[in-house]
N, C-alpha and C. Protein backbone atom coordinates (compact mmCIF):
# COMPACT_ATOMS: atom_id res chain seq x y z
N MET A 1 28.44 -25.22 -31.28
CA MET A 1 27.37 -24.24 -31.19
C MET A 1 26.35 -24.64 -30.12
N SER A 2 26.09 -25.91 -29.98
CA SER A 2 25.11 -26.35 -28.98
C SER A 2 25.62 -26.10 -27.57
N THR A 3 26.93 -26.10 -27.37
CA THR A 3 27.45 -25.81 -26.03
C THR A 3 27.17 -24.36 -25.65
N TRP A 4 27.25 -23.42 -26.62
CA TRP A 4 26.95 -22.03 -26.34
C TRP A 4 25.47 -21.83 -26.00
N ILE A 5 24.63 -22.60 -26.63
CA ILE A 5 23.20 -22.53 -26.32
C ILE A 5 22.96 -23.02 -24.90
N ILE A 6 23.60 -24.10 -24.53
CA ILE A 6 23.45 -24.63 -23.18
C ILE A 6 23.98 -23.63 -22.16
N ILE A 7 25.15 -23.05 -22.43
CA ILE A 7 25.73 -22.06 -21.53
C ILE A 7 24.81 -20.85 -21.39
N SER A 8 24.24 -20.40 -22.49
CA SER A 8 23.36 -19.23 -22.43
C SER A 8 22.11 -19.54 -21.60
N TRP A 9 21.54 -20.73 -21.73
CA TRP A 9 20.36 -21.09 -20.95
C TRP A 9 20.71 -21.23 -19.46
N VAL A 10 21.89 -21.73 -19.17
CA VAL A 10 22.33 -21.82 -17.78
C VAL A 10 22.46 -20.41 -17.19
N LEU A 11 23.03 -19.49 -17.95
CA LEU A 11 23.13 -18.09 -17.49
C LEU A 11 21.76 -17.47 -17.29
N VAL A 12 20.83 -17.76 -18.20
CA VAL A 12 19.47 -17.24 -18.06
C VAL A 12 18.84 -17.78 -16.78
N ALA A 13 19.03 -19.05 -16.49
CA ALA A 13 18.47 -19.64 -15.28
C ALA A 13 19.09 -19.01 -14.03
N ILE A 14 20.40 -18.80 -14.04
CA ILE A 14 21.07 -18.18 -12.89
C ILE A 14 20.57 -16.76 -12.67
N LEU A 15 20.48 -15.97 -13.74
CA LEU A 15 20.01 -14.59 -13.60
C LEU A 15 18.55 -14.53 -13.17
N THR A 16 17.74 -15.48 -13.64
CA THR A 16 16.34 -15.53 -13.22
C THR A 16 16.25 -15.84 -11.73
N ALA A 17 17.06 -16.76 -11.25
CA ALA A 17 17.06 -17.09 -9.82
C ALA A 17 17.49 -15.89 -8.99
N ILE A 18 18.50 -15.18 -9.45
CA ILE A 18 18.95 -13.97 -8.73
C ILE A 18 17.83 -12.93 -8.71
N ASN A 19 17.15 -12.77 -9.84
CA ASN A 19 16.06 -11.81 -9.93
C ASN A 19 14.93 -12.16 -8.95
N ILE A 20 14.60 -13.43 -8.83
CA ILE A 20 13.54 -13.85 -7.92
C ILE A 20 13.95 -13.58 -6.48
N VAL A 21 15.19 -13.89 -6.13
CA VAL A 21 15.66 -13.66 -4.75
C VAL A 21 15.63 -12.17 -4.42
N VAL A 22 16.09 -11.34 -5.32
CA VAL A 22 16.09 -9.89 -5.07
C VAL A 22 14.66 -9.37 -4.93
N PHE A 23 13.76 -9.86 -5.80
CA PHE A 23 12.36 -9.43 -5.72
C PHE A 23 11.75 -9.79 -4.37
N LEU A 24 12.00 -11.01 -3.90
CA LEU A 24 11.44 -11.42 -2.62
C LEU A 24 12.01 -10.61 -1.47
N GLN A 25 13.30 -10.26 -1.53
CA GLN A 25 13.89 -9.43 -0.49
C GLN A 25 13.28 -8.03 -0.48
N LEU A 26 13.08 -7.46 -1.67
CA LEU A 26 12.48 -6.13 -1.75
C LEU A 26 11.03 -6.15 -1.28
N LYS A 27 10.31 -7.22 -1.59
CA LYS A 27 8.93 -7.34 -1.15
C LYS A 27 8.87 -7.40 0.37
N LYS A 28 9.78 -8.17 0.97
CA LYS A 28 9.81 -8.27 2.43
C LYS A 28 10.14 -6.92 3.05
N ALA A 29 11.08 -6.20 2.46
CA ALA A 29 11.45 -4.88 2.98
C ALA A 29 10.29 -3.90 2.88
N SER A 30 9.57 -3.93 1.76
CA SER A 30 8.44 -2.99 1.60
C SER A 30 7.33 -3.32 2.59
N GLU A 31 7.10 -4.60 2.85
CA GLU A 31 6.09 -4.97 3.85
C GLU A 31 6.50 -4.50 5.25
N GLN A 32 7.77 -4.61 5.57
CA GLN A 32 8.25 -4.13 6.87
C GLN A 32 8.09 -2.62 6.99
N MET A 33 8.39 -1.91 5.91
CA MET A 33 8.25 -0.45 5.95
C MET A 33 6.78 -0.06 6.12
N MET A 34 5.88 -0.75 5.43
CA MET A 34 4.46 -0.42 5.56
C MET A 34 3.96 -0.74 6.97
N LYS A 35 4.46 -1.83 7.56
CA LYS A 35 4.05 -2.16 8.93
C LYS A 35 4.56 -1.13 9.91
N MET A 36 5.76 -0.60 9.67
CA MET A 36 6.30 0.42 10.56
C MET A 36 5.58 1.75 10.38
N ALA A 37 5.20 2.06 9.15
CA ALA A 37 4.52 3.33 8.88
C ALA A 37 3.08 3.31 9.38
N PHE A 38 2.44 2.14 9.29
CA PHE A 38 1.04 2.00 9.71
C PHE A 38 0.94 0.81 10.66
N PRO A 39 1.30 1.00 11.94
CA PRO A 39 1.36 -0.13 12.87
C PRO A 39 0.00 -0.77 13.16
N GLY A 40 -1.09 -0.05 12.98
CA GLY A 40 -2.41 -0.60 13.27
C GLY A 40 -2.97 -1.47 12.16
N ALA A 41 -2.29 -1.50 11.01
CA ALA A 41 -2.79 -2.26 9.87
C ALA A 41 -2.56 -3.75 10.10
N LYS A 42 -3.60 -4.55 9.76
CA LYS A 42 -3.49 -5.99 9.95
C LYS A 42 -2.82 -6.67 8.75
N ASN A 43 -2.97 -6.06 7.58
CA ASN A 43 -2.35 -6.64 6.38
C ASN A 43 -1.96 -5.51 5.43
N MET A 44 -1.39 -5.88 4.29
CA MET A 44 -0.91 -4.87 3.33
C MET A 44 -2.06 -4.04 2.77
N ASN A 45 -3.23 -4.64 2.58
CA ASN A 45 -4.35 -3.89 2.02
C ASN A 45 -4.76 -2.75 2.94
N GLU A 46 -4.80 -3.00 4.23
CA GLU A 46 -5.14 -1.93 5.17
C GLU A 46 -4.06 -0.85 5.20
N ALA A 47 -2.81 -1.26 5.11
CA ALA A 47 -1.71 -0.29 5.11
C ALA A 47 -1.78 0.59 3.86
N VAL A 48 -2.06 -0.02 2.71
CA VAL A 48 -2.18 0.76 1.47
C VAL A 48 -3.38 1.70 1.55
N ALA A 49 -4.48 1.23 2.13
CA ALA A 49 -5.65 2.10 2.29
C ALA A 49 -5.31 3.29 3.19
N GLY A 50 -4.57 3.04 4.26
CA GLY A 50 -4.15 4.14 5.13
C GLY A 50 -3.26 5.13 4.41
N MET A 51 -2.36 4.61 3.57
CA MET A 51 -1.48 5.50 2.80
C MET A 51 -2.29 6.33 1.82
N GLN A 52 -3.29 5.74 1.17
CA GLN A 52 -4.12 6.48 0.24
C GLN A 52 -4.91 7.57 0.95
N GLN A 53 -5.40 7.27 2.16
CA GLN A 53 -6.11 8.29 2.93
C GLN A 53 -5.17 9.45 3.26
N MET A 54 -3.93 9.12 3.61
CA MET A 54 -2.96 10.16 3.93
C MET A 54 -2.69 11.04 2.70
N MET A 55 -2.58 10.40 1.53
CA MET A 55 -2.31 11.17 0.31
C MET A 55 -3.50 12.06 -0.03
N LYS A 56 -4.72 11.57 0.17
CA LYS A 56 -5.91 12.39 -0.08
C LYS A 56 -5.93 13.60 0.85
N GLY A 57 -5.52 13.39 2.09
CA GLY A 57 -5.46 14.50 3.04
C GLY A 57 -4.44 15.54 2.62
N MET A 58 -3.32 15.11 2.05
CA MET A 58 -2.30 16.05 1.58
C MET A 58 -2.81 16.86 0.38
N GLN A 59 -3.56 16.22 -0.51
CA GLN A 59 -4.08 16.93 -1.67
C GLN A 59 -5.06 18.01 -1.26
N GLY A 60 -5.79 17.78 -0.20
CA GLY A 60 -6.74 18.77 0.29
C GLY A 60 -6.04 20.00 0.83
N ARG A 61 -4.78 19.87 1.26
CA ARG A 61 -4.02 21.00 1.81
C ARG A 61 -3.11 21.62 0.76
N GLY A 62 -3.28 21.29 -0.47
CA GLY A 62 -2.44 21.89 -1.50
C GLY A 62 -1.20 21.06 -1.79
N GLY A 63 -1.11 19.84 -1.29
CA GLY A 63 -0.01 18.96 -1.61
C GLY A 63 1.29 19.26 -0.89
N ARG A 64 1.24 20.07 0.16
CA ARG A 64 2.48 20.43 0.85
C ARG A 64 2.84 19.47 1.97
N GLY A 65 1.94 18.62 2.39
CA GLY A 65 2.25 17.67 3.44
C GLY A 65 1.85 18.20 4.80
N PRO A 66 1.99 17.39 5.82
CA PRO A 66 1.57 17.81 7.16
C PRO A 66 2.49 18.90 7.72
N GLY A 67 1.86 19.88 8.37
CA GLY A 67 2.64 20.94 8.99
C GLY A 67 3.00 22.09 8.07
N PHE A 68 2.61 22.03 6.81
CA PHE A 68 2.92 23.09 5.86
C PHE A 68 1.64 23.58 5.20
N PRO A 69 0.94 24.51 5.84
CA PRO A 69 -0.29 25.00 5.23
C PRO A 69 0.01 25.81 3.97
N ALA A 70 -1.01 26.05 3.19
CA ALA A 70 -0.86 26.81 1.94
C ALA A 70 -0.44 28.24 2.26
N GLY A 71 0.01 28.97 1.24
CA GLY A 71 0.60 30.29 1.36
C GLY A 71 -0.12 31.28 2.25
N PRO A 72 -1.42 31.60 1.99
CA PRO A 72 -2.08 32.63 2.81
C PRO A 72 -2.17 32.25 4.29
N ALA A 73 -2.24 30.98 4.60
CA ALA A 73 -2.35 30.57 6.00
C ALA A 73 -1.05 30.81 6.76
N ARG A 74 0.06 30.97 6.04
CA ARG A 74 1.34 31.22 6.69
C ARG A 74 1.57 32.71 6.92
N GLY A 75 0.59 33.51 6.73
CA GLY A 75 0.74 34.93 6.94
C GLY A 75 1.13 35.66 5.67
N GLY A 76 0.91 35.06 4.51
CA GLY A 76 1.20 35.71 3.25
C GLY A 76 2.65 35.63 2.82
N ALA A 77 3.51 35.01 3.63
CA ALA A 77 4.92 34.89 3.27
C ALA A 77 5.07 33.90 2.13
N SER A 78 5.80 34.30 1.08
CA SER A 78 5.98 33.44 -0.07
C SER A 78 7.30 32.69 0.05
N ASP A 79 7.35 31.52 -0.51
CA ASP A 79 8.57 30.73 -0.51
C ASP A 79 9.60 31.43 -1.39
N PRO A 80 10.79 31.76 -0.90
CA PRO A 80 11.76 32.52 -1.69
C PRO A 80 12.20 31.79 -2.96
N GLN A 81 12.36 30.48 -2.89
CA GLN A 81 12.77 29.75 -4.09
C GLN A 81 11.67 29.78 -5.15
N LEU A 82 10.42 29.65 -4.70
CA LEU A 82 9.31 29.71 -5.64
C LEU A 82 9.22 31.09 -6.28
N LYS A 83 9.41 32.12 -5.47
CA LYS A 83 9.37 33.50 -6.00
C LYS A 83 10.48 33.72 -7.02
N ALA A 84 11.69 33.23 -6.71
CA ALA A 84 12.81 33.39 -7.64
C ALA A 84 12.54 32.63 -8.94
N ALA A 85 11.97 31.43 -8.83
CA ALA A 85 11.66 30.65 -10.03
C ALA A 85 10.61 31.33 -10.88
N MET A 86 9.60 31.92 -10.25
CA MET A 86 8.56 32.63 -11.00
C MET A 86 9.13 33.86 -11.70
N ASP A 87 10.01 34.59 -11.01
CA ASP A 87 10.64 35.76 -11.62
C ASP A 87 11.48 35.35 -12.83
N MET A 88 12.22 34.26 -12.69
CA MET A 88 13.05 33.79 -13.80
C MET A 88 12.17 33.36 -14.97
N LEU A 89 11.05 32.71 -14.69
CA LEU A 89 10.14 32.29 -15.75
C LEU A 89 9.56 33.50 -16.48
N GLN A 90 9.20 34.52 -15.73
CA GLN A 90 8.66 35.73 -16.35
C GLN A 90 9.71 36.41 -17.23
N GLN A 91 10.96 36.43 -16.77
CA GLN A 91 12.03 37.03 -17.57
C GLN A 91 12.26 36.23 -18.85
N MET A 92 12.19 34.91 -18.76
CA MET A 92 12.37 34.08 -19.94
C MET A 92 11.24 34.31 -20.94
N GLN A 93 10.01 34.47 -20.44
CA GLN A 93 8.88 34.71 -21.33
C GLN A 93 8.99 36.08 -22.01
N LYS A 94 9.45 37.07 -21.27
CA LYS A 94 9.65 38.40 -21.85
C LYS A 94 10.73 38.36 -22.93
N GLY A 95 11.80 37.64 -22.67
CA GLY A 95 12.89 37.52 -23.63
C GLY A 95 12.45 36.77 -24.88
N GLY A 96 11.56 35.79 -24.76
CA GLY A 96 11.10 35.02 -25.90
C GLY A 96 10.18 35.82 -26.81
N LYS A 97 9.44 36.80 -26.26
CA LYS A 97 8.53 37.61 -27.06
C LYS A 97 9.28 38.61 -27.92
N LYS A 98 10.46 39.03 -27.48
CA LYS A 98 11.23 40.01 -28.24
C LYS A 98 11.78 39.43 -29.53
N ARG A 99 12.04 38.14 -29.55
CA ARG A 99 12.66 37.52 -30.72
C ARG A 99 11.70 37.35 -31.81
């Protein structure tokens, strides 16, 4: 029985080492992505601050992102998928009231 305990602890140590290596690789990759997305940032804190500013700017435009103004600014044209989803929701609500 003690051999199984030793084997299990060895497996735990191996899996922990693998987990640490993977975490460090992912951390390095995320830092590289942030440096590429925000080249003027000197460290991760500045890059995160830039990302937060970008997200705040998107929320001010209705959450559609850059280049996609809100509905009325596009000349009143509605997104066809959104219109179809709203119609389907209205039909479902009408069907639920009949029951």
